[in-house]
C-alpha atoms as a PDB file:
ATOM      1  CA  MET A   1     136.643  55.342 148.791  1.00  0.00           C
ATOM      2  CA  VAL A   2     136.924  51.679 149.771  1.00  0.00           C
ATOM      3  CA  GLY A   3     140.052  51.292 147.612  1.00  0.00           C
ATOM      4  CA  ARG A   4     141.816  54.215 149.082  1.00  0.00           C
ATOM      5  CA  ALA A   5     141.133  53.143 152.657  1.00  0.00           C
ATOM      6  CA  ALA A   6     142.489  49.674 151.708  1.00  0.00           C
ATOM      7  CA  SER A   7     145.689  51.329 150.208  1.00  0.00           C
ATOM      8  CA  LEU A   8     146.156  52.956 153.474  1.00  0.00           C
ATOM      9  CA  LEU A   9     146.168  49.742 155.463  1.00  0.00           C
ATOM     10  CA  THR A  10     148.731  47.096 154.511  1.00  0.00           C
ATOM     11  CA  SER A  11     147.609  43.482 154.291  1.00  0.00           C
ATOM     12  CA  ARG A  12     149.417  42.943 157.619  1.00  0.00           C
ATOM     13  CA  ARG A  13     147.378  45.595 159.319  1.00  0.00           C
ATOM     14  CA  VAL A  14     144.094  44.360 157.970  1.00  0.00           C
ATOM     15  CA  ALA A  15     144.882  40.879 159.132  1.00  0.00           C
ATOM     16  CA  ALA A  16     146.133  42.038 162.456  1.00  0.00           C
ATOM     17  CA  PHE A  17     142.888  44.252 162.828  1.00  0.00           C
ATOM     18  CA  VAL A  18     140.701  41.196 161.904  1.00  0.00           C
ATOM     19  CA  VAL A  19     142.485  38.816 164.331  1.00  0.00           C
ATOM     20  CA  VAL A  20     142.515  41.443 167.294  1.00  0.00           C
ATOM     21  CA  ALA A  21     138.799  42.438 166.541  1.00  0.00           C
ATOM     22  CA  ALA A  22     137.628  38.816 166.500  1.00  0.00           C
ATOM     23  CA  VAL A  23     139.486  38.292 169.934  1.00  0.00           C
ATOM     24  CA  VAL A  24     137.941  41.349 171.494  1.00  0.00           C
ATOM     25  CA  VAL A  25     134.383  40.659 170.363  1.00  0.00           C
ATOM     26  CA  THR A  26     134.685  37.163 171.411  1.00  0.00           C
ATOM     27  CA  TRP A  27     135.730  38.309 174.816  1.00  0.00           C
ATOM     28  CA  PHE A  28     133.093  40.745 175.084  1.00  0.00           C
ATOM     29  CA  ILE A  29     130.505  37.960 174.420  1.00  0.00           C
ATOM     30  CA  VAL A  30     131.964  35.355 176.662  1.00  0.00           C
ATOM     31  CA  ALA A  31     133.140  37.553 179.697  1.00  0.00           C
ATOM     32  CA  PRO A  32     129.682  38.143 181.195  1.00  0.00           C
ATOM     33  CA  HIS A  33     129.233  34.516 181.492  1.00  0.00           C
ATOM     34  CA  LEU A  34     132.377  33.552 183.260  1.00  0.00           C
ATOM     35  CA  ALA A  35     132.648  33.442 186.990  1.00  0.00           C
ATOM     36  CA  PRO A  36     133.322  36.713 188.564  1.00  0.00           C
ATOM     37  CA  LEU A  37     136.958  37.434 190.023  1.00  0.00           C
ATOM     38  CA  ARG A  38     137.701  39.380 193.127  1.00  0.00           C
ATOM     39  CA  LEU A  39     138.078  43.145 192.982  1.00  0.00           C
ATOM     40  CA  TRP A  40     141.650  43.575 192.370  1.00  0.00           C
ATOM     41  CA  PRO A  41     142.219  40.927 189.853  1.00  0.00           C
ATOM     42  CA  THR A  42     139.301  42.328 187.927  1.00  0.00           C
ATOM     43  CA  ILE A  43     140.784  45.751 188.085  1.00  0.00           C
ATOM     44  CA  PHE A  44     144.238  44.609 186.852  1.00  0.00           C
ATOM     45  CA  LEU A  45     142.525  42.401 184.127  1.00  0.00           C
ATOM     46  CA  ILE A  46     140.527  45.523 182.825  1.00  0.00           C
ATOM     47  CA  SER A  47     143.186  48.072 183.033  1.00  0.00           C
ATOM     48  CA  LEU A  48     146.320  45.968 181.923  1.00  0.00           C
ATOM     49  CA  VAL A  49     144.754  43.617 179.193  1.00  0.00           C
ATOM     50  CA  ILE A  50     141.091  44.398 178.212  1.00  0.00           C
ATOM     51  CA  MET A  51     141.234  48.209 177.914  1.00  0.00           C
ATOM     52  CA  PRO A  52     144.755  47.902 175.927  1.00  0.00           C
ATOM     53  CA  GLY A  53     143.537  44.901 174.023  1.00  0.00           C
ATOM     54  CA  THR A  54     140.561  47.012 172.796  1.00  0.00           C
ATOM     55  CA  LEU A  55     142.371  50.254 172.125  1.00  0.00           C
ATOM     56  CA  VAL A  56     145.094  48.636 170.229  1.00  0.00           C
ATOM     57  CA  LEU A  57     142.583  48.430 167.437  1.00  0.00           C
ATOM     58  CA  ALA A  58     142.851  52.182 167.168  1.00  0.00           C
ATOM     59  CA  LEU A  59     146.488  51.976 166.747  1.00  0.00           C
ATOM     60  CA  ILE A  60     146.400  49.235 164.074  1.00  0.00           C
ATOM     61  CA  ALA A  61     143.751  51.377 162.297  1.00  0.00           C
ATOM     62  CA  LEU A  62     145.542  54.701 162.623  1.00  0.00           C
ATOM     63  CA  PRO A  63     146.462  55.129 158.927  1.00  0.00           C
ATOM     64  CA  LEU A  64     142.761  55.693 158.327  1.00  0.00           C
ATOM     65  CA  TRP A  65     142.847  59.093 160.114  1.00  0.00           C
ATOM     66  CA  ARG A  66     143.581  60.807 156.752  1.00  0.00           C
ATOM     67  CA  GLU A  67     140.249  59.754 155.303  1.00  0.00           C
ATOM     68  CA  ARG A  68     137.748  62.396 154.584  1.00  0.00           C
ATOM     69  CA  TRP A  69     134.743  60.077 155.185  1.00  0.00           C
ATOM     70  CA  LEU A  70     135.487  60.054 158.934  1.00  0.00           C
ATOM     71  CA  PHE A  71     133.078  62.526 160.282  1.00  0.00           C
ATOM     72  CA  PRO A  72     130.021  61.370 158.545  1.00  0.00           C
ATOM     73  CA  ALA A  73     130.976  57.823 159.444  1.00  0.00           C
ATOM     74  CA  ALA A  74     131.191  59.072 163.160  1.00  0.00           C
ATOM     75  CA  VAL A  75     127.705  60.533 162.858  1.00  0.00           C
ATOM     76  CA  VAL A  76     126.275  57.353 161.414  1.00  0.00           C
ATOM     77  CA  LEU A  77     128.048  55.283 164.092  1.00  0.00           C
ATOM     78  CA  ALA A  78     126.480  57.389 166.776  1.00  0.00           C
ATOM     79  CA  LEU A  79     123.069  56.958 165.453  1.00  0.00           C
ATOM     80  CA  ILE A  80     123.606  53.258 165.095  1.00  0.00           C
ATOM     81  CA  ALA A  81     124.730  53.394 168.653  1.00  0.00           C
ATOM     82  CA  PHE A  82     121.472  55.094 169.646  1.00  0.00           C
ATOM     83  CA  GLY A  83     119.420  52.595 167.790  1.00  0.00           C
ATOM     84  CA  CYS A  84     121.139  49.658 169.224  1.00  0.00           C
ATOM     85  CA  ALA A  85     120.517  51.086 172.690  1.00  0.00           C
ATOM     86  CA  GLN A  86     116.843  51.383 171.990  1.00  0.00           C
ATOM     87  CA  ALA A  87     116.769  47.806 170.619  1.00  0.00           C
ATOM     88  CA  GLY A  88     118.770  46.384 173.639  1.00  0.00           C
ATOM     89  CA  TRP A  89     121.858  45.370 171.508  1.00  0.00           C
ATOM     90  CA  GLY A  90     124.390  46.311 174.028  1.00  0.00           C
ATOM     91  CA  LEU A  91     127.497  44.708 172.410  1.00  0.00           C
ATOM     92  CA  ALA A  92     126.824  46.233 168.957  1.00  0.00           C
ATOM     93  CA  GLY A  93     126.183  49.597 170.463  1.00  0.00           C
ATOM     94  CA  ASN A  94     129.289  49.399 172.443  1.00  0.00           C
ATOM     95  CA  PHE A  95     131.434  49.103 169.424  1.00  0.00           C
ATOM     96  CA  ALA A  96     129.524  51.737 167.525  1.00  0.00           C
ATOM     97  CA  LYS A  97     130.283  54.161 170.278  1.00  0.00           C
ATOM     98  CA  LEU A  98     133.910  53.210 170.496  1.00  0.00           C
ATOM     99  CA  TRP A  99     134.396  53.756 166.683  1.00  0.00           C
ATOM    100  CA  ALA A 100     132.103  56.759 166.510  1.00  0.00           C
ATOM    101  CA  ALA A 101     134.409  58.449 169.212  1.00  0.00           C
ATOM    102  CA  ILE A 102     137.642  57.342 167.391  1.00  0.00           C
ATOM    103  CA  PHE A 103     136.480  58.515 163.937  1.00  0.00           C
ATOM    104  CA  ALA A 104     135.433  61.948 165.437  1.00  0.00           C
ATOM    105  CA  GLY A 105     138.797  62.180 167.076  1.00  0.00           C
ATOM    106  CA  TRP A 106     140.587  61.535 163.679  1.00  0.00           C
ATOM    107  CA  ALA A 107     138.195  63.868 161.859  1.00  0.00           C
ATOM    108  CA  PHE A 108     139.046  66.693 164.248  1.00  0.00           C
ATOM    109  CA  ILE A 109     142.705  66.265 163.884  1.00  0.00           C
ATOM    110  CA  GLN A 110     142.379  67.075 160.097  1.00  0.00           C
ATOM    111  CA  LEU A 111     141.387  70.492 161.304  1.00  0.00           C
ATOM    112  CA  PHE A 112     144.513  71.015 163.100  1.00  0.00           C
ATOM    113  CA  GLU A 113     147.105  72.869 160.971  1.00  0.00           C
ATOM    114  CA  GLU A 114     149.856  73.408 163.647  1.00  0.00           C
ATOM    115  CA  LEU A 115     151.347  71.170 166.266  1.00  0.00           C
ATOM    116  CA  SER A 116     150.957  73.999 168.638  1.00  0.00           C
ATOM    117  CA  TRP A 117     147.109  73.697 168.540  1.00  0.00           C
ATOM    118  CA  VAL A 118     147.444  70.199 169.545  1.00  0.00           C
ATOM    119  CA  VAL A 119     149.721  71.105 172.585  1.00  0.00           C
ATOM    120  CA  LEU A 120     147.297  73.993 173.509  1.00  0.00           C
ATOM    121  CA  VAL A 121     144.379  71.387 173.629  1.00  0.00           C
ATOM    122  CA  ALA A 122     146.461  69.117 175.807  1.00  0.00           C
ATOM    123  CA  VAL A 123     146.961  71.724 178.262  1.00  0.00           C
ATOM    124  CA  VAL A 124     143.444  73.075 178.338  1.00  0.00           C
ATOM    125  CA  ILE A 125     141.360  69.942 178.233  1.00  0.00           C
ATOM    126  CA  PRO A 126     142.633  68.689 181.823  1.00  0.00           C
ATOM    127  CA  LEU A 127     141.239  71.751 183.368  1.00  0.00           C
ATOM    128  CA  VAL A 128     138.008  71.577 181.668  1.00  0.00           C
ATOM    129  CA  ASP A 129     137.648  67.914 182.539  1.00  0.00           C
ATOM    130  CA  ILE A 130     138.656  68.504 186.164  1.00  0.00           C
ATOM    131  CA  ILE A 131     135.958  71.236 186.628  1.00  0.00           C
ATOM    132  CA  SER A 132     133.299  68.947 184.603  1.00  0.00           C
ATOM    133  CA  VAL A 133     133.977  65.921 186.895  1.00  0.00           C
ATOM    134  CA  TYR A 134     133.962  67.667 190.224  1.00  0.00           C
ATOM    135  CA  ARG A 135     131.661  70.762 189.725  1.00  0.00           C
ATOM    136  CA  GLY A 136     130.131  70.570 186.382  1.00  0.00           C
ATOM    137  CA  PRO A 137     127.868  68.448 184.208  1.00  0.00           C
ATOM    138  CA  THR A 138     129.893  65.146 184.559  1.00  0.00           C
ATOM    139  CA  LYS A 139     129.317  65.230 188.292  1.00  0.00           C
ATOM    140  CA  ALA A 140     125.738  66.008 188.013  1.00  0.00           C
ATOM    141  CA  ILE A 141     125.187  63.017 185.391  1.00  0.00           C
ATOM    142  CA  THR A 142     127.362  60.437 187.168  1.00  0.00           C
ATOM    143  CA  SER A 143     125.787  61.368 190.706  1.00  0.00           C
ATOM    144  CA  ASN A 144     122.115  61.821 189.744  1.00  0.00           C
ATOM    145  CA  HIS A 145     121.712  59.978 186.407  1.00  0.00           C
ATOM    146  CA  PHE A 146     124.413  57.275 186.070  1.00  0.00           C
ATOM    147  CA  GLU A 147     122.286  55.492 183.496  1.00  0.00           C
ATOM    148  CA  ILE A 148     122.775  58.477 181.214  1.00  0.00           C
ATOM    149  CA  TYR A 149     126.420  58.079 181.422  1.00  0.00           C
ATOM    150  CA  THR A 150     126.580  54.289 180.916  1.00  0.00           C
ATOM    151  CA  ALA A 151     124.273  54.864 177.946  1.00  0.00           C
ATOM    152  CA  VAL A 152     126.797  56.948 176.109  1.00  0.00           C
ATOM    153  CA  ALA A 153     130.091  55.760 177.831  1.00  0.00           C
ATOM    154  CA  ILE A 154     132.328  52.845 176.271  1.00  0.00           C
ATOM    155  CA  ALA A 155     132.402  49.689 178.435  1.00  0.00           C
ATOM    156  CA  PHE A 156     135.247  47.387 178.924  1.00  0.00           C
ATOM    157  CA  VAL A 157     133.825  44.132 180.341  1.00  0.00           C
ATOM    158  CA  ALA A 158     135.520  41.822 182.856  1.00  0.00           C
ATOM    159  CA  PRO A 159     134.337  38.099 183.900  1.00  0.00           C
ATOM    160  CA  GLY A 160     130.875  38.100 185.616  1.00  0.00           C
ATOM    161  CA  GLY A 161     129.893  41.419 183.667  1.00  0.00           C
ATOM    162  CA  ALA A 162     132.018  43.705 185.851  1.00  0.00           C
ATOM    163  CA  THR A 163     132.663  46.909 183.792  1.00  0.00           C
ATOM    164  CA  ALA A 164     134.808  49.863 183.593  1.00  0.00           C
ATOM    165  CA  TYR A 165     133.805  52.894 181.308  1.00  0.00           C
ATOM    166  CA  LEU A 166     135.417  55.566 179.315  1.00  0.00           C
ATOM    167  CA  GLY A 167     133.406  58.535 178.322  1.00  0.00           C
ATOM    168  CA  PRO A 168     133.110  59.553 174.693  1.00  0.00           C
ATOM    169  CA  PRO A 169     135.308  62.683 175.266  1.00  0.00           C
ATOM    170  CA  ASP A 170     137.889  60.413 176.799  1.00  0.00           C
ATOM    171  CA  VAL A 171     138.291  58.154 173.559  1.00  0.00           C
ATOM    172  CA  LEU A 172     137.685  61.189 171.022  1.00  0.00           C
ATOM    173  CA  PHE A 173     140.801  62.915 172.440  1.00  0.00           C
ATOM    174  CA  TYR A 174     142.709  59.654 172.775  1.00  0.00           C
ATOM    175  CA  ALA A 175     142.203  59.134 169.070  1.00  0.00           C
ATOM    176  CA  LEU A 176     142.977  62.906 168.431  1.00  0.00           C
ATOM    177  CA  PHE A 177     146.295  62.700 170.114  1.00  0.00           C
ATOM    178  CA  LEU A 178     147.251  59.378 168.479  1.00  0.00           C
ATOM    179  CA  ALA A 179     146.506  60.760 165.090  1.00  0.00           C
ATOM    180  CA  ALA A 180     148.390  63.873 166.173  1.00  0.00           C
ATOM    181  CA  THR A 181     151.690  61.761 166.510  1.00  0.00           C
ATOM    182  CA  SER A 182     151.200  60.392 163.029  1.00  0.00           C
ATOM    183  CA  LYS A 183     150.332  63.774 161.318  1.00  0.00           C
ATOM    184  CA  PHE A 184     153.115  65.646 163.028  1.00  0.00           C
ATOM    185  CA  ASP A 185     155.861  62.856 163.173  1.00  0.00           C
ATOM    186  CA  LEU A 186     155.987  62.199 166.920  1.00  0.00           C
ATOM    187  CA  ARG A 187     156.456  59.004 168.548  1.00  0.00           C
ATOM    188  CA  VAL A 188     153.367  56.919 167.691  1.00  0.00           C
ATOM    189  CA  ASN A 189     154.035  53.490 169.395  1.00  0.00           C
ATOM    190  CA  TRP A 190     155.464  55.101 172.637  1.00  0.00           C
ATOM    191  CA  THR A 191     152.520  57.461 172.786  1.00  0.00           C
ATOM    192  CA  TRP A 192     149.911  54.657 172.476  1.00  0.00           C
ATOM    193  CA  VAL A 193     151.822  52.870 175.285  1.00  0.00           C
ATOM    194  CA  SER A 194     151.936  55.980 177.484  1.00  0.00           C
ATOM    195  CA  MET A 195     148.402  57.013 176.934  1.00  0.00           C
ATOM    196  CA  THR A 196     146.850  53.522 177.159  1.00  0.00           C
ATOM    197  CA  GLY A 197     148.996  53.259 180.512  1.00  0.00           C
ATOM    198  CA  MET A 198     147.830  56.471 181.880  1.00  0.00           C
ATOM    199  CA  TYR A 199     144.126  55.201 181.516  1.00  0.00           C
ATOM    200  CA  ALA A 200     144.994  52.079 183.137  1.00  0.00           C
ATOM    201  CA  VAL A 201     146.270  54.330 185.969  1.00  0.00           C
ATOM    202  CA  THR A 202     143.010  56.048 186.253  1.00  0.00           C
ATOM    203  CA  VAL A 203     141.156  52.693 186.557  1.00  0.00           C
ATOM    204  CA  ILE A 204     143.530  51.394 189.254  1.00  0.00           C
ATOM    205  CA  LEU A 205     143.825  54.767 191.151  1.00  0.00           C
ATOM    206  CA  ALA A 206     139.923  55.411 191.260  1.00  0.00           C
ATOM    207  CA  THR A 207     139.537  51.995 192.782  1.00  0.00           C
ATOM    208  CA  ALA A 208     142.400  52.513 195.258  1.00  0.00           C
ATOM    209  CA  ILE A 209     141.097  55.751 196.582  1.00  0.00           C
ATOM    210  CA  HIS A 210     137.443  54.721 196.576  1.00  0.00           C
ATOM    211  CA  VAL A 211     136.023  57.124 194.055  1.00  0.00           C
ATOM    212  CA  ASP A 212     133.468  56.406 191.430  1.00  0.00           C
ATOM    213  CA  GLY A 213     135.538  58.186 188.813  1.00  0.00           C
ATOM    214  CA  LEU A 214     138.547  60.348 188.139  1.00  0.00           C
ATOM    215  CA  PRO A 215     138.974  63.019 185.573  1.00  0.00           C
ATOM    216  CA  ALA A 216     140.836  60.907 182.763  1.00  0.00           C
ATOM    217  CA  LEU A 217     141.756  63.769 180.410  1.00  0.00           C
ATOM    218  CA  PRO A 218     144.493  64.971 182.755  1.00  0.00           C
ATOM    219  CA  PHE A 219     146.175  61.608 182.656  1.00  0.00           C
ATOM    220  CA  LEU A 220     145.669  61.266 178.930  1.00  0.00           C
ATOM    221  CA  SER A 221     147.335  64.856 178.386  1.00  0.00           C
ATOM    222  CA  PHE A 222     150.379  63.749 180.353  1.00  0.00           C
ATOM    223  CA  GLY A 223     150.435  60.396 178.470  1.00  0.00           C
ATOM    224  CA  PHE A 224     150.654  62.356 175.228  1.00  0.00           C
ATOM    225  CA  LEU A 225     153.010  65.039 176.300  1.00  0.00           C
ATOM    226  CA  ALA A 226     155.573  62.907 178.264  1.00  0.00           C
ATOM    227  CA  PRO A 227     156.763  60.652 175.583  1.00  0.00           C
ATOM    228  CA  ASN A 228     156.941  63.547 172.946  1.00  0.00           C
ATOM    229  CA  ALA A 229     158.437  66.268 175.419  1.00  0.00           C
ATOM    230  CA  ASP A 230     161.738  66.641 173.862  1.00  0.00           C
ATOM    231  CA  LEU A 231     160.393  66.854 170.184  1.00  0.00           C
ATOM    232  CA  LEU A 232     157.728  69.134 171.309  1.00  0.00           C
ATOM    233  CA  TRP A 233     160.170  71.478 172.914  1.00  0.00           C
ATOM    234  CA  GLN A 234     162.561  71.369 169.813  1.00  0.00           C
ATOM    235  CA  ARG A 235     159.610  72.215 167.446  1.00  0.00           C
ATOM    236  CA  LEU A 236     157.800  74.887 169.581  1.00  0.00           C
ATOM    237  CA  ARG A 237     160.488  76.916 171.289  1.00  0.00           C
ATOM    238  CA  PRO A 238     161.021  80.384 169.837  1.00  0.00           C
ATOM    239  CA  SER A 239     163.790  80.245 167.199  1.00  0.00           C
ATOM    240  CA  ARG A 240     166.869  82.300 167.887  1.00  0.00           C
ATOM    241  CA  THR A 241     168.084  84.232 164.964  1.00  0.00           C
ATOM    242  CA  PRO A 242     171.342  85.923 165.288  1.00  0.00           C
ATOM    243  CA  ALA A 243     171.322  89.654 165.653  1.00  0.00           C
ATOM    244  CA  THR A 244     172.497  91.548 162.632  1.00  0.00           C
ATOM    245  CA  PRO A 245     175.069  94.341 163.159  1.00  0.00           C
END
């Protein structure tokens, strides 16, 4: 199992992952002890540097989406995250939650046999997310039990401890769409840029219009569909066969 995983990741990818992960972990350790910034510098730092710098780890490790051990690994990481929360180990728990969600998304993409299934998910989940955020369970949790949301959400930390969050479904579908670009030969790098940029937009927009949170999945779906629109159209449009006399 370990040997197969190593064969999927080139030495350059492994080295890049180690370096980036070390930088990210160091930042998460140091950031709470730095002097806090003003609001907008904090927002731009989180959305344009910290969040992309963390999520690029998923792009580097993307070849692992083919592995069969991802679902049990996601379950184990979720349990580790729970144990870390009980022990007060916030940093370890945060990264366990991050990779539990990423591995879950990669495990689910293995069940998708057709590209049309991915597109259908990209069309449906924004509606579900909008209802959940404004009328459903997400609204109830964030309005009345925000500590539950922060316990399961993935944190992105700025100087002074200022924090932005992505919920587990936000990261799970992010990973699923990213893996879909690899599985179905779409534009991997441009999709990562687009989806990560859309998540940056949600953080900036939520701050600009003074709301506690926005539905992130509509932005994510757009970030997946937009850079691949022409490829999706070519592959999913009905084929026209010439009429026989």
